[in-house]
Amino acid sequence: MKKVILGAIAILLLINQTISADEIRLNSSKNDVISLGIITSTATTVGVDWGDGNLVNTEITETDIDGNLTTLSGTPVGEIIITGNGITVFDCGLSSITALDVTQATNLIKLSAN
């Protein structure tokens, strides 16, 4: 019985870790539209708050198996927060980034920030 309970707990912990969202926070000095690129390890929804408190969702249908960046474009008005499952690649080059925090993007394997 103990083995069954421990097995169930292990599965629940694995599921919890698998579905936990990655989070990327950044600021930009630009006052007009910027473009950010991401690749995810799975088809998922990625949310972006461009600093105004409104979440803009984007459906990601291509995964990093396909190798195509999905472009997220918007006008920053404060801290930008990106959330989504399985964010493996993030490209914020040429976006005049002044601050970047990827410590909560645990699936991130490639970062491009020029």
C-alpha atoms as a PDB file:
ATOM      1  CA  MET A   1       0.000   0.000   0.000  1.00  0.00           C
ATOM      2  CA  LYS A   2       2.876   2.376   0.825  1.00  0.00           C
ATOM      3  CA  LYS A   3       4.383   1.755  -2.621  1.00  0.00           C
ATOM      4  CA  VAL A   4       1.079   2.674  -4.302  1.00  0.00           C
ATOM      5  CA  ILE A   5       0.783   5.898  -2.312  1.00  0.00           C
ATOM      6  CA  LEU A   6       4.427   6.842  -2.943  1.00  0.00           C
ATOM      7  CA  GLY A   7       3.986   6.064  -6.641  1.00  0.00           C
ATOM      8  CA  ALA A   8       0.880   8.271  -6.809  1.00  0.00           C
ATOM      9  CA  ILE A   9       2.693  11.118  -5.055  1.00  0.00           C
ATOM     10  CA  ALA A  10       5.631  10.816  -7.465  1.00  0.00           C
ATOM     11  CA  ILE A  11       3.274  10.979 -10.458  1.00  0.00           C
ATOM     12  CA  LEU A  12       1.513  14.044  -9.046  1.00  0.00           C
ATOM     13  CA  LEU A  13       4.842  15.785  -8.474  1.00  0.00           C
ATOM     14  CA  LEU A  14       5.948  14.977 -12.014  1.00  0.00           C
ATOM     15  CA  ILE A  15       2.681  16.276 -13.471  1.00  0.00           C
ATOM     16  CA  ASN A  16       2.950  19.452 -11.389  1.00  0.00           C
ATOM     17  CA  GLN A  17       6.504  20.084 -12.619  1.00  0.00           C
ATOM     18  CA  THR A  18       5.567  19.330 -16.229  1.00  0.00           C
ATOM     19  CA  ILE A  19       2.694  21.827 -16.341  1.00  0.00           C
ATOM     20  CA  SER A  20       4.367  24.627 -14.400  1.00  0.00           C
ATOM     21  CA  ALA A  21       4.733  27.689 -16.584  1.00  0.00           C
ATOM     22  CA  ASP A  22       7.978  29.349 -17.535  1.00  0.00           C
ATOM     23  CA  GLU A  23       8.144  33.092 -16.902  1.00  0.00           C
ATOM     24  CA  ILE A  24      10.356  35.709 -18.527  1.00  0.00           C
ATOM     25  CA  ARG A  25      10.397  39.334 -17.352  1.00  0.00           C
ATOM     26  CA  LEU A  26      12.011  42.189 -19.244  1.00  0.00           C
ATOM     27  CA  ASN A  27      12.011  45.927 -19.809  1.00  0.00           C
ATOM     28  CA  SER A  28      12.663  47.851 -23.001  1.00  0.00           C
ATOM     29  CA  SER A  29      13.622  51.476 -23.527  1.00  0.00           C
ATOM     30  CA  LYS A  30      11.648  51.568 -26.784  1.00  0.00           C
ATOM     31  CA  ASN A  31       8.284  53.333 -26.821  1.00  0.00           C
ATOM     32  CA  ASP A  32       7.083  51.749 -30.044  1.00  0.00           C
ATOM     33  CA  VAL A  33       6.416  48.201 -31.223  1.00  0.00           C
ATOM     34  CA  ILE A  34       9.035  45.568 -30.422  1.00  0.00           C
ATOM     35  CA  SER A  35       9.199  41.967 -31.588  1.00  0.00           C
ATOM     36  CA  LEU A  36      10.245  39.032 -29.435  1.00  0.00           C
ATOM     37  CA  GLY A  37      10.778  35.482 -30.680  1.00  0.00           C
ATOM     38  CA  ILE A  38      10.101  32.230 -28.836  1.00  0.00           C
ATOM     39  CA  ILE A  39      10.140  28.530 -29.487  1.00  0.00           C
ATOM     40  CA  THR A  40       8.364  26.076 -27.208  1.00  0.00           C
ATOM     41  CA  SER A  41       8.848  22.351 -26.715  1.00  0.00           C
ATOM     42  CA  THR A  42       5.129  21.705 -27.104  1.00  0.00           C
ATOM     43  CA  ALA A  43       2.050  23.243 -28.643  1.00  0.00           C
ATOM     44  CA  THR A  44       0.815  25.654 -25.980  1.00  0.00           C
ATOM     45  CA  THR A  45      -0.574  29.097 -25.243  1.00  0.00           C
ATOM     46  CA  VAL A  46       1.903  31.846 -24.388  1.00  0.00           C
ATOM     47  CA  GLY A  47       0.671  34.948 -22.586  1.00  0.00           C
ATOM     48  CA  VAL A  48       2.297  38.364 -22.789  1.00  0.00           C
ATOM     49  CA  ASP A  49       1.570  41.310 -20.523  1.00  0.00           C
ATOM     50  CA  TRP A  50       3.166  44.307 -22.265  1.00  0.00           C
ATOM     51  CA  GLY A  51       3.203  46.200 -18.958  1.00  0.00           C
ATOM     52  CA  ASP A  52      -0.387  47.410 -18.905  1.00  0.00           C
ATOM     53  CA  GLY A  53      -1.818  44.494 -16.910  1.00  0.00           C
ATOM     54  CA  ASN A  54      -3.626  42.976 -19.906  1.00  0.00           C
ATOM     55  CA  LEU A  55      -2.671  39.458 -20.918  1.00  0.00           C
ATOM     56  CA  VAL A  56      -2.408  38.857 -24.673  1.00  0.00           C
ATOM     57  CA  ASN A  57      -2.486  35.151 -25.512  1.00  0.00           C
ATOM     58  CA  THR A  58      -0.822  33.581 -28.540  1.00  0.00           C
ATOM     59  CA  GLU A  59      -1.367  29.976 -29.589  1.00  0.00           C
ATOM     60  CA  ILE A  60       1.903  28.219 -30.397  1.00  0.00           C
ATOM     61  CA  THR A  61       1.314  25.365 -32.815  1.00  0.00           C
ATOM     62  CA  GLU A  62       4.886  24.834 -34.050  1.00  0.00           C
ATOM     63  CA  THR A  63       7.337  23.335 -31.589  1.00  0.00           C
ATOM     64  CA  ASP A  64      11.117  23.455 -31.490  1.00  0.00           C
ATOM     65  CA  ILE A  65      11.152  20.292 -33.560  1.00  0.00           C
ATOM     66  CA  ASP A  66      10.094  22.608 -36.405  1.00  0.00           C
ATOM     67  CA  GLY A  67      12.731  25.207 -35.417  1.00  0.00           C
ATOM     68  CA  ASN A  68      10.587  28.218 -36.308  1.00  0.00           C
ATOM     69  CA  LEU A  69      10.414  31.236 -34.016  1.00  0.00           C
ATOM     70  CA  THR A  70       6.957  32.497 -33.120  1.00  0.00           C
ATOM     71  CA  THR A  71       7.007  36.303 -33.094  1.00  0.00           C
ATOM     72  CA  LEU A  72       5.299  38.206 -30.292  1.00  0.00           C
ATOM     73  CA  SER A  73       4.867  41.906 -31.102  1.00  0.00           C
ATOM     74  CA  GLY A  74       3.571  44.712 -28.931  1.00  0.00           C
ATOM     75  CA  THR A  75       4.268  48.133 -27.461  1.00  0.00           C
ATOM     76  CA  PRO A  76       5.869  48.032 -24.008  1.00  0.00           C
ATOM     77  CA  VAL A  77       4.396  50.356 -21.401  1.00  0.00           C
ATOM     78  CA  GLY A  78       6.159  48.859 -18.384  1.00  0.00           C
ATOM     79  CA  GLU A  79       7.622  45.522 -17.349  1.00  0.00           C
ATOM     80  CA  ILE A  80       6.869  42.851 -19.954  1.00  0.00           C
ATOM     81  CA  ILE A  81       5.931  39.438 -18.550  1.00  0.00           C
ATOM     82  CA  ILE A  82       5.850  36.363 -20.787  1.00  0.00           C
ATOM     83  CA  THR A  83       4.398  33.102 -19.460  1.00  0.00           C
ATOM     84  CA  GLY A  84       4.003  29.733 -21.112  1.00  0.00           C
ATOM     85  CA  ASN A  85       4.817  26.069 -20.843  1.00  0.00           C
ATOM     86  CA  GLY A  86       8.048  24.741 -22.303  1.00  0.00           C
ATOM     87  CA  ILE A  87       9.702  27.957 -23.517  1.00  0.00           C
ATOM     88  CA  THR A  88      13.020  26.630 -24.821  1.00  0.00           C
ATOM     89  CA  VAL A  89      14.257  29.525 -26.989  1.00  0.00           C
ATOM     90  CA  PHE A  90      13.870  33.272 -26.393  1.00  0.00           C
ATOM     91  CA  ASP A  91      15.132  35.968 -28.747  1.00  0.00           C
ATOM     92  CA  CYS A  92      14.883  39.591 -27.643  1.00  0.00           C
ATOM     93  CA  GLY A  93      17.651  40.979 -29.841  1.00  0.00           C
ATOM     94  CA  LEU A  94      17.216  44.475 -31.319  1.00  0.00           C
ATOM     95  CA  SER A  95      14.473  45.302 -28.801  1.00  0.00           C
ATOM     96  CA  SER A  96      16.470  47.788 -26.663  1.00  0.00           C
ATOM     97  CA  ILE A  97      16.244  45.568 -23.576  1.00  0.00           C
ATOM     98  CA  THR A  98      17.291  47.305 -20.345  1.00  0.00           C
ATOM     99  CA  ALA A  99      16.518  44.452 -17.921  1.00  0.00           C
ATOM    100  CA  LEU A 100      15.976  40.713 -18.375  1.00  0.00           C
ATOM    101  CA  ASP A 101      15.072  38.016 -15.844  1.00  0.00           C
ATOM    102  CA  VAL A 102      14.909  34.420 -17.070  1.00  0.00           C
ATOM    103  CA  THR A 103      15.400  32.739 -13.683  1.00  0.00           C
ATOM    104  CA  GLN A 104      11.839  31.349 -13.791  1.00  0.00           C
ATOM    105  CA  ALA A 105      12.214  30.019 -17.348  1.00  0.00           C
ATOM    106  CA  THR A 106      13.424  26.595 -16.291  1.00  0.00           C
ATOM    107  CA  ASN A 107      13.030  25.040 -19.758  1.00  0.00           C
ATOM    108  CA  LEU A 108      15.063  27.745 -21.511  1.00  0.00           C
ATOM    109  CA  ILE A 109      18.064  26.339 -23.393  1.00  0.00           C
ATOM    110  CA  LYS A 110      18.882  29.182 -25.794  1.00  0.00           C
ATOM    111  CA  LEU A 111      18.790  32.943 -25.197  1.00  0.00           C
ATOM    112  CA  SER A 112      19.580  35.619 -27.743  1.00  0.00           C
ATOM    113  CA  ALA A 113      19.829  39.165 -26.368  1.00  0.00           C
ATOM    114  CA  ASN A 114      21.952  41.621 -28.362  1.00  0.00           C
END
